C-alpha cells in the first residue's frame, strides 16, 4: 500500500518497493513509525513514479548485491 502526494512526498509501507527506490537513487526523506508499521517517505517525482510503476509491474531490474545491501540498511533502520 502506498500513498502518493503526501505533501509533495511519496509514502509506502512496502519494504521491497522502498528498497528498490533506494537502489534506483530516490532520496529517502524519513521513516515514520505508526504503531507496528513503518512508512518510508520519499520525494515525489516523475522519476520516482516511473520506478514504482516498473517495480509493481515486475519490469524493474536491479543489481542483486546492491538490492541486498540497501534492504539490510533499511531493516537496520527499522529494527534498531
Protein backbone atom coordinates (compact mmCIF):
# COMPACT_ATOMS: atom_id res chain seq x y z
CA UNK A 1 0.00 0.00 0.00
CA UNK A 2 1.28 3.45 -0.83
CA UNK A 3 0.09 6.99 -0.62
CA UNK A 4 1.03 9.49 -3.29
CA UNK A 5 1.14 13.25 -2.90
CA UNK A 6 1.54 13.30 0.85
CA UNK A 7 2.51 16.99 0.93
CA UNK A 8 4.62 16.54 -2.22
CA UNK A 9 6.07 13.33 -0.86
CA UNK A 10 5.52 9.66 -1.58
CA UNK A 11 4.82 7.21 1.23
CA UNK A 12 4.97 3.43 1.06
CA UNK A 13 4.99 0.77 3.73
CA UNK A 14 6.26 -1.88 1.31
CA UNK A 15 9.87 -2.68 2.26
CA UNK A 16 10.68 -4.19 -1.15
CA UNK A 17 9.38 -1.15 -3.01
CA UNK A 18 11.29 1.15 -0.66
CA UNK A 19 14.46 -0.88 -1.21
CA UNK A 20 14.02 -0.65 -4.97
CA UNK A 21 13.52 3.10 -4.78
CA UNK A 22 16.71 3.49 -2.74
CA UNK A 23 18.68 1.32 -5.18
CA UNK A 24 17.39 3.40 -8.10
CA UNK A 25 18.63 6.59 -6.45
CA UNK A 26 15.45 8.01 -4.94
CA UNK A 27 16.06 10.06 -1.81
CA UNK A 28 14.61 8.58 1.38
CA UNK A 29 13.45 11.54 3.47
CA UNK A 30 12.35 9.76 6.62
CA UNK A 31 10.82 6.67 8.15
CA UNK A 32 7.61 7.27 10.08
CA UNK A 33 6.53 4.74 12.69
CA UNK A 34 2.82 4.23 13.32
CA UNK A 35 2.43 1.52 15.91
CA UNK A 36 3.95 -1.61 14.45
CA UNK A 37 4.01 -0.20 10.89
CA UNK A 38 6.67 1.89 9.19
CA UNK A 39 6.14 4.29 6.33
CA UNK A 40 9.06 5.06 4.05
CA UNK A 41 8.80 8.65 2.81
CA UNK A 42 10.44 9.68 -0.46
CA UNK A 43 10.48 12.80 -2.59
CA UNK A 44 7.68 12.53 -5.14
CA UNK A 45 8.80 12.98 -8.74
CA UNK A 46 8.12 11.65 -12.20
CA UNK A 47 11.27 9.51 -11.92
CA UNK A 48 10.01 8.02 -8.65
CA UNK A 49 6.66 7.35 -10.28
CA UNK A 50 8.33 5.51 -13.17
CA UNK A 51 10.45 3.38 -10.81
CA UNK A 52 7.43 2.49 -8.64
CA UNK A 53 5.37 1.55 -11.68
CA UNK A 54 8.14 -0.62 -13.09
CA UNK A 55 8.53 -2.27 -9.67
CA UNK A 56 4.82 -3.07 -9.33
CA UNK A 57 4.59 -4.39 -12.91
CA UNK A 58 7.66 -6.61 -12.47
CA UNK A 59 9.73 -4.71 -15.02
CA UNK A 60 12.33 -3.13 -12.72
CA UNK A 61 15.81 -4.63 -12.87
CA UNK A 62 18.33 -4.01 -10.10
CA UNK A 63 21.71 -5.41 -9.13
CA UNK A 64 21.11 -8.20 -6.59
CA UNK A 65 24.01 -7.32 -4.29
CA UNK A 66 23.10 -3.62 -4.24
CA UNK A 67 19.47 -4.54 -3.52
CA UNK A 68 20.51 -6.84 -0.67
CA UNK A 69 22.72 -4.18 0.90
CA UNK A 70 20.02 -1.49 0.63
CA UNK A 71 17.45 -3.88 2.09
CA UNK A 72 19.69 -4.69 5.06
CA UNK A 73 20.31 -0.97 5.64
CA UNK A 74 16.58 -0.21 5.69
CA UNK A 75 15.90 -3.15 8.01
CA UNK A 76 18.61 -1.97 10.41
CA UNK A 77 16.95 1.47 10.49
CA UNK A 78 13.57 -0.10 11.22
CA UNK A 79 14.67 -2.57 13.89
CA UNK A 80 17.29 -0.53 15.74
